[in-house]
């Protein structure tokens, strides 16, 4: 991803696991709510950037240890993903073609009940 290295801004999405709620919630509900919170915060960030004419790319396949070292992030904090931010190289007219909605969304049953 050479384009990611050239991004003027890279945001690290992190969760401080020393917070009591991040320790207790998964034990009680078996759900790591900090992952949901990071998703919500990150998507708000992406939508706000889009409203300002900026482009973003959410990158989940990262080397957490390397990012933690570069940014001096303490071990109690998880780096869950990064988002690059900048002005897009492509205009909306040049954007890649998207899958049709019926290929990625379903009504009542997964894939219309087909396996």
C-alpha atoms as a PDB file:
ATOM      1  CA  UNK A   1       0.000   0.000   0.000  1.00  0.00           C
ATOM      2  CA  UNK A   2       2.415   2.715  -1.102  1.00  0.00           C
ATOM      3  CA  UNK A   3      -0.479   5.195  -1.275  1.00  0.00           C
ATOM      4  CA  UNK A   4      -1.039   4.756   2.481  1.00  0.00           C
ATOM      5  CA  UNK A   5       2.541   5.847   3.207  1.00  0.00           C
ATOM      6  CA  UNK A   6       1.936   8.973   1.136  1.00  0.00           C
ATOM      7  CA  UNK A   7      -1.237   9.936   3.007  1.00  0.00           C
ATOM      8  CA  UNK A   8      -0.818  13.316   4.716  1.00  0.00           C
ATOM      9  CA  UNK A   9      -2.646  12.068   7.829  1.00  0.00           C
ATOM     10  CA  UNK A  10      -2.859   8.603   9.375  1.00  0.00           C
ATOM     11  CA  UNK A  11      -5.179   8.150  12.352  1.00  0.00           C
ATOM     12  CA  UNK A  12      -4.704   5.208  14.714  1.00  0.00           C
ATOM     13  CA  UNK A  13      -7.926   3.866  16.230  1.00  0.00           C
ATOM     14  CA  UNK A  14      -7.090   2.720  19.754  1.00  0.00           C
ATOM     15  CA  UNK A  15      -8.838   1.335  22.815  1.00  0.00           C
ATOM     16  CA  UNK A  16      -7.498   1.648  26.352  1.00  0.00           C
ATOM     17  CA  UNK A  17      -8.119  -1.795  27.813  1.00  0.00           C
ATOM     18  CA  UNK A  18      -7.258  -0.680  31.346  1.00  0.00           C
ATOM     19  CA  UNK A  19     -10.687   0.977  31.647  1.00  0.00           C
ATOM     20  CA  UNK A  20     -12.925  -1.025  33.965  1.00  0.00           C
ATOM     21  CA  UNK A  21     -15.808  -1.150  31.484  1.00  0.00           C
ATOM     22  CA  UNK A  22     -13.523  -2.672  28.860  1.00  0.00           C
ATOM     23  CA  UNK A  23     -12.524  -5.371  31.353  1.00  0.00           C
ATOM     24  CA  UNK A  24     -15.954  -6.207  32.788  1.00  0.00           C
ATOM     25  CA  UNK A  25     -18.260  -5.982  29.755  1.00  0.00           C
ATOM     26  CA  UNK A  26     -16.720  -8.920  27.824  1.00  0.00           C
ATOM     27  CA  UNK A  27     -16.854 -11.090  30.961  1.00  0.00           C
ATOM     28  CA  UNK A  28     -20.554 -10.362  31.523  1.00  0.00           C
ATOM     29  CA  UNK A  29     -21.811 -10.294  27.919  1.00  0.00           C
ATOM     30  CA  UNK A  30     -19.060 -12.103  25.999  1.00  0.00           C
ATOM     31  CA  UNK A  31     -18.963  -9.076  23.686  1.00  0.00           C
ATOM     32  CA  UNK A  32     -15.887  -6.812  23.429  1.00  0.00           C
ATOM     33  CA  UNK A  33     -17.850  -3.542  23.314  1.00  0.00           C
ATOM     34  CA  UNK A  34     -14.696  -1.504  22.794  1.00  0.00           C
ATOM     35  CA  UNK A  35     -14.571  -2.982  19.276  1.00  0.00           C
ATOM     36  CA  UNK A  36     -18.090  -1.692  18.591  1.00  0.00           C
ATOM     37  CA  UNK A  37     -17.217   1.711  20.077  1.00  0.00           C
ATOM     38  CA  UNK A  38     -14.129   1.956  17.856  1.00  0.00           C
ATOM     39  CA  UNK A  39     -16.249   1.065  14.826  1.00  0.00           C
ATOM     40  CA  UNK A  40     -18.766   3.782  15.633  1.00  0.00           C
ATOM     41  CA  UNK A  41     -16.086   6.417  16.287  1.00  0.00           C
ATOM     42  CA  UNK A  42     -14.146   5.473  13.167  1.00  0.00           C
ATOM     43  CA  UNK A  43     -17.200   5.588  10.934  1.00  0.00           C
ATOM     44  CA  UNK A  44     -18.197   9.001  12.323  1.00  0.00           C
ATOM     45  CA  UNK A  45     -14.672  10.155  11.478  1.00  0.00           C
ATOM     46  CA  UNK A  46     -14.972   8.791   7.908  1.00  0.00           C
ATOM     47  CA  UNK A  47     -18.381  10.431   7.385  1.00  0.00           C
ATOM     48  CA  UNK A  48     -17.163  13.782   8.729  1.00  0.00           C
ATOM     49  CA  UNK A  49     -14.141  13.651   6.421  1.00  0.00           C
ATOM     50  CA  UNK A  50     -16.378  12.878   3.419  1.00  0.00           C
ATOM     51  CA  UNK A  51     -18.583  15.869   4.257  1.00  0.00           C
ATOM     52  CA  UNK A  52     -15.455  18.046   4.020  1.00  0.00           C
ATOM     53  CA  UNK A  53     -14.434  16.602   0.633  1.00  0.00           C
ATOM     54  CA  UNK A  54     -11.667  14.456   2.092  1.00  0.00           C
ATOM     55  CA  UNK A  55     -10.981  10.836   1.263  1.00  0.00           C
ATOM     56  CA  UNK A  56     -10.304   8.077   3.757  1.00  0.00           C
ATOM     57  CA  UNK A  57      -9.296   4.459   3.722  1.00  0.00           C
ATOM     58  CA  UNK A  58      -9.951   2.264   6.731  1.00  0.00           C
ATOM     59  CA  UNK A  59      -7.143  -0.288   7.082  1.00  0.00           C
ATOM     60  CA  UNK A  60      -7.653  -3.223   9.406  1.00  0.00           C
ATOM     61  CA  UNK A  61      -4.764  -5.423   8.342  1.00  0.00           C
ATOM     62  CA  UNK A  62      -2.023  -3.741  10.339  1.00  0.00           C
ATOM     63  CA  UNK A  63       1.038  -4.630  12.363  1.00  0.00           C
ATOM     64  CA  UNK A  64      -0.132  -3.475  15.777  1.00  0.00           C
ATOM     65  CA  UNK A  65       3.263  -3.956  17.419  1.00  0.00           C
ATOM     66  CA  UNK A  66       5.003  -1.749  14.838  1.00  0.00           C
ATOM     67  CA  UNK A  67       2.393   1.003  15.051  1.00  0.00           C
ATOM     68  CA  UNK A  68       2.498   0.916  18.851  1.00  0.00           C
ATOM     69  CA  UNK A  69       6.294   1.309  18.734  1.00  0.00           C
ATOM     70  CA  UNK A  70       6.262   4.165  16.169  1.00  0.00           C
ATOM     71  CA  UNK A  71       3.636   6.115  18.125  1.00  0.00           C
ATOM     72  CA  UNK A  72       4.895   5.189  21.636  1.00  0.00           C
ATOM     73  CA  UNK A  73       1.518   3.700  22.537  1.00  0.00           C
ATOM     74  CA  UNK A  74       1.502   1.879  25.905  1.00  0.00           C
ATOM     75  CA  UNK A  75       0.866  -1.867  26.043  1.00  0.00           C
ATOM     76  CA  UNK A  76      -2.503  -1.443  27.801  1.00  0.00           C
ATOM     77  CA  UNK A  77      -3.811   0.243  24.633  1.00  0.00           C
ATOM     78  CA  UNK A  78      -4.865  -1.834  21.610  1.00  0.00           C
ATOM     79  CA  UNK A  79      -4.324  -0.390  18.147  1.00  0.00           C
ATOM     80  CA  UNK A  80      -7.287  -1.849  16.270  1.00  0.00           C
ATOM     81  CA  UNK A  81      -6.935  -0.217  12.859  1.00  0.00           C
ATOM     82  CA  UNK A  82      -5.816   2.921  11.082  1.00  0.00           C
ATOM     83  CA  UNK A  83      -7.535   5.381   8.776  1.00  0.00           C
ATOM     84  CA  UNK A  84      -5.662   7.349   6.141  1.00  0.00           C
ATOM     85  CA  UNK A  85      -6.944  10.845   5.408  1.00  0.00           C
ATOM     86  CA  UNK A  86      -6.321  13.214   2.541  1.00  0.00           C
ATOM     87  CA  UNK A  87      -7.661  14.557  -0.705  1.00  0.00           C
ATOM     88  CA  UNK A  88      -8.553  11.651  -2.984  1.00  0.00           C
ATOM     89  CA  UNK A  89      -6.498  11.028  -6.119  1.00  0.00           C
ATOM     90  CA  UNK A  90      -9.645   9.899  -7.957  1.00  0.00           C
ATOM     91  CA  UNK A  91     -12.681  12.059  -8.501  1.00  0.00           C
ATOM     92  CA  UNK A  92     -16.142  10.622  -7.949  1.00  0.00           C
ATOM     93  CA  UNK A  93     -16.462  10.222 -11.732  1.00  0.00           C
ATOM     94  CA  UNK A  94     -13.387   7.961 -11.687  1.00  0.00           C
ATOM     95  CA  UNK A  95     -14.397   5.983  -8.603  1.00  0.00           C
ATOM     96  CA  UNK A  96     -14.350   2.215  -8.912  1.00  0.00           C
ATOM     97  CA  UNK A  97     -17.569   0.443  -9.809  1.00  0.00           C
ATOM     98  CA  UNK A  98     -19.583  -0.844  -6.871  1.00  0.00           C
ATOM     99  CA  UNK A  99     -21.377  -4.161  -6.512  1.00  0.00           C
ATOM    100  CA  UNK A 100     -25.136  -4.006  -7.039  1.00  0.00           C
ATOM    101  CA  UNK A 101     -27.163  -3.779  -3.806  1.00  0.00           C
ATOM    102  CA  UNK A 102     -28.759  -7.220  -4.325  1.00  0.00           C
ATOM    103  CA  UNK A 103     -25.277  -8.792  -4.141  1.00  0.00           C
ATOM    104  CA  UNK A 104     -24.490  -7.326  -0.707  1.00  0.00           C
ATOM    105  CA  UNK A 105     -27.834  -6.896   1.063  1.00  0.00           C
ATOM    106  CA  UNK A 106     -30.566  -9.411   1.755  1.00  0.00           C
ATOM    107  CA  UNK A 107     -34.173  -9.267   2.932  1.00  0.00           C
ATOM    108  CA  UNK A 108     -35.283 -11.614   5.723  1.00  0.00           C
ATOM    109  CA  UNK A 109     -32.878 -14.450   4.798  1.00  0.00           C
ATOM    110  CA  UNK A 110     -29.200 -14.548   3.990  1.00  0.00           C
ATOM    111  CA  UNK A 111     -28.761 -14.628   0.206  1.00  0.00           C
ATOM    112  CA  UNK A 112     -32.527 -15.066  -0.267  1.00  0.00           C
ATOM    113  CA  UNK A 113     -32.338 -18.457   1.436  1.00  0.00           C
ATOM    114  CA  UNK A 114     -29.776 -19.799  -1.087  1.00  0.00           C
ATOM    115  CA  UNK A 115     -26.590 -21.266   0.290  1.00  0.00           C
END
